[in-house]
Amino acid sequence: MSSTIQYRDLERALQQVMTPSSYAGVVGSGSTTTEVVDSIGGWGTNQWAEYGIQFAPNTLTPALRGVWQQITSNTGNTLTLAAALPAAPQAGDTYNI
């Protein structure tokens, strides 16, 4: 059985990846190159799946400045990324979803 992509599904996915949510976050402790822990959180499970995270141009970790990565899933306070970041975020780094 072959599956086809429905136009509305493609449109929804593109909107999630390309439309900023205006969430500005601050990294908490315990982040790795593939998981970003937010200092506040309070999100629904997979609320940010398929969105993108971009670190601020003036964030604390120089290797992350302006870096963008896709979010594959999330818990209440942790974002799981599609690929590893060039460095692990440190507490206080800032980003947008």
C-alpha atoms as a PDB file:
ATOM      1  CA  MET A   1       0.000   0.000   0.000  1.00  0.00           C
ATOM      2  CA  SER A   2       1.517   3.317  -1.010  1.00  0.00           C
ATOM      3  CA  SER A   3       0.921   6.442   0.999  1.00  0.00           C
ATOM      4  CA  THR A   4       0.494   9.913  -0.375  1.00  0.00           C
ATOM      5  CA  ILE A   5       1.100  13.230   1.280  1.00  0.00           C
ATOM      6  CA  GLN A   6      -2.013  15.305   1.603  1.00  0.00           C
ATOM      7  CA  TYR A   7      -1.671  18.982   0.732  1.00  0.00           C
ATOM      8  CA  ARG A   8      -3.108  20.105   4.102  1.00  0.00           C
ATOM      9  CA  ASP A   9      -0.542  17.968   5.974  1.00  0.00           C
ATOM     10  CA  LEU A  10       2.317  19.437   3.959  1.00  0.00           C
ATOM     11  CA  GLU A  11       1.004  22.956   4.466  1.00  0.00           C
ATOM     12  CA  ARG A  12       0.717  22.416   8.245  1.00  0.00           C
ATOM     13  CA  ALA A  13       4.262  21.033   8.487  1.00  0.00           C
ATOM     14  CA  LEU A  14       5.707  23.939   6.515  1.00  0.00           C
ATOM     15  CA  GLN A  15       3.884  26.478   8.672  1.00  0.00           C
ATOM     16  CA  GLN A  16       5.272  24.926  11.847  1.00  0.00           C
ATOM     17  CA  VAL A  17       8.862  24.900  10.589  1.00  0.00           C
ATOM     18  CA  MET A  18       8.829  28.296   8.902  1.00  0.00           C
ATOM     19  CA  THR A  19       6.620  30.355  11.202  1.00  0.00           C
ATOM     20  CA  PRO A  20       8.235  31.674  14.372  1.00  0.00           C
ATOM     21  CA  SER A  21       6.186  31.044  17.465  1.00  0.00           C
ATOM     22  CA  SER A  22       7.620  34.083  19.236  1.00  0.00           C
ATOM     23  CA  TYR A  23       8.679  31.937  22.214  1.00  0.00           C
ATOM     24  CA  ALA A  24      11.899  33.361  23.641  1.00  0.00           C
ATOM     25  CA  GLY A  25      13.646  30.903  25.944  1.00  0.00           C
ATOM     26  CA  VAL A  26      16.523  30.759  28.363  1.00  0.00           C
ATOM     27  CA  VAL A  27      18.512  27.554  28.723  1.00  0.00           C
ATOM     28  CA  GLY A  28      18.534  25.902  32.152  1.00  0.00           C
ATOM     29  CA  SER A  29      21.111  23.431  33.450  1.00  0.00           C
ATOM     30  CA  GLY A  30      21.556  19.919  32.076  1.00  0.00           C
ATOM     31  CA  SER A  31      21.451  20.582  28.313  1.00  0.00           C
ATOM     32  CA  THR A  32      23.460  18.498  25.836  1.00  0.00           C
ATOM     33  CA  THR A  33      24.233  18.867  22.135  1.00  0.00           C
ATOM     34  CA  THR A  34      20.962  17.066  21.289  1.00  0.00           C
ATOM     35  CA  GLU A  35      18.674  18.190  24.138  1.00  0.00           C
ATOM     36  CA  VAL A  36      17.973  21.729  25.296  1.00  0.00           C
ATOM     37  CA  VAL A  37      16.557  22.166  28.795  1.00  0.00           C
ATOM     38  CA  ASP A  38      14.491  25.331  29.216  1.00  0.00           C
ATOM     39  CA  SER A  39      14.758  27.265  32.488  1.00  0.00           C
ATOM     40  CA  ILE A  40      10.952  27.563  32.814  1.00  0.00           C
ATOM     41  CA  GLY A  41       9.217  25.063  30.497  1.00  0.00           C
ATOM     42  CA  GLY A  42       5.584  24.256  31.208  1.00  0.00           C
ATOM     43  CA  TRP A  43       4.941  23.026  27.657  1.00  0.00           C
ATOM     44  CA  GLY A  44       2.615  20.324  26.439  1.00  0.00           C
ATOM     45  CA  THR A  45       4.228  17.111  25.203  1.00  0.00           C
ATOM     46  CA  ASN A  46       5.421  17.596  21.615  1.00  0.00           C
ATOM     47  CA  GLN A  47       4.053  21.133  21.500  1.00  0.00           C
ATOM     48  CA  TRP A  48       7.228  22.188  19.656  1.00  0.00           C
ATOM     49  CA  ALA A  49       7.722  19.053  17.502  1.00  0.00           C
ATOM     50  CA  GLU A  50       8.684  20.033  13.942  1.00  0.00           C
ATOM     51  CA  TYR A  51       9.380  23.653  14.899  1.00  0.00           C
ATOM     52  CA  GLY A  52      12.868  25.110  14.809  1.00  0.00           C
ATOM     53  CA  ILE A  53      15.093  26.514  17.527  1.00  0.00           C
ATOM     54  CA  GLN A  54      17.510  29.346  16.799  1.00  0.00           C
ATOM     55  CA  PHE A  55      20.043  30.628  19.283  1.00  0.00           C
ATOM     56  CA  ALA A  56      20.289  34.396  19.679  1.00  0.00           C
ATOM     57  CA  PRO A  57      23.186  36.229  18.004  1.00  0.00           C
ATOM     58  CA  ASN A  58      24.416  37.350  21.427  1.00  0.00           C
ATOM     59  CA  THR A  59      23.905  34.112  23.367  1.00  0.00           C
ATOM     60  CA  LEU A  60      26.605  33.166  25.884  1.00  0.00           C
ATOM     61  CA  THR A  61      28.047  30.185  23.975  1.00  0.00           C
ATOM     62  CA  PRO A  62      29.854  31.619  20.913  1.00  0.00           C
ATOM     63  CA  ALA A  63      29.568  28.383  18.884  1.00  0.00           C
ATOM     64  CA  LEU A  64      25.755  28.582  19.111  1.00  0.00           C
ATOM     65  CA  ARG A  65      25.266  32.189  17.996  1.00  0.00           C
ATOM     66  CA  GLY A  66      22.708  32.177  15.178  1.00  0.00           C
ATOM     67  CA  VAL A  67      22.647  28.365  14.973  1.00  0.00           C
ATOM     68  CA  TRP A  68      19.325  26.830  13.903  1.00  0.00           C
ATOM     69  CA  GLN A  69      18.161  23.245  14.401  1.00  0.00           C
ATOM     70  CA  GLN A  70      14.871  21.381  13.979  1.00  0.00           C
ATOM     71  CA  ILE A  71      13.031  20.157  17.070  1.00  0.00           C
ATOM     72  CA  THR A  72      11.823  16.560  16.808  1.00  0.00           C
ATOM     73  CA  SER A  73       9.986  16.326  20.143  1.00  0.00           C
ATOM     74  CA  ASN A  74       9.716  17.872  23.586  1.00  0.00           C
ATOM     75  CA  THR A  75       8.690  17.177  27.155  1.00  0.00           C
ATOM     76  CA  GLY A  76       7.490  19.766  29.645  1.00  0.00           C
ATOM     77  CA  ASN A  77      10.869  21.519  29.689  1.00  0.00           C
ATOM     78  CA  THR A  78      13.239  19.737  27.275  1.00  0.00           C
ATOM     79  CA  LEU A  79      13.562  20.056  23.491  1.00  0.00           C
ATOM     80  CA  THR A  80      14.994  17.096  21.560  1.00  0.00           C
ATOM     81  CA  LEU A  81      16.792  18.111  18.370  1.00  0.00           C
ATOM     82  CA  ALA A  82      17.079  16.398  14.979  1.00  0.00           C
ATOM     83  CA  ALA A  83      20.892  16.662  14.951  1.00  0.00           C
ATOM     84  CA  ALA A  84      23.665  17.624  17.336  1.00  0.00           C
ATOM     85  CA  LEU A  85      24.521  21.258  17.961  1.00  0.00           C
ATOM     86  CA  PRO A  86      28.167  22.365  17.570  1.00  0.00           C
ATOM     87  CA  ALA A  87      28.381  22.786  21.366  1.00  0.00           C
ATOM     88  CA  ALA A  88      26.252  22.006  24.412  1.00  0.00           C
ATOM     89  CA  PRO A  89      24.183  25.017  25.501  1.00  0.00           C
ATOM     90  CA  GLN A  90      25.034  26.437  28.907  1.00  0.00           C
ATOM     91  CA  ALA A  91      22.617  27.820  31.472  1.00  0.00           C
ATOM     92  CA  GLY A  92      21.734  31.363  30.461  1.00  0.00           C
ATOM     93  CA  ASP A  93      22.010  30.875  26.680  1.00  0.00           C
ATOM     94  CA  THR A  94      19.040  32.455  24.901  1.00  0.00           C
ATOM     95  CA  TYR A  95      17.023  31.157  21.963  1.00  0.00           C
ATOM     96  CA  ASN A  96      13.784  31.518  20.031  1.00  0.00           C
ATOM     97  CA  ILE A  97      11.354  28.922  18.738  1.00  0.00           C
END
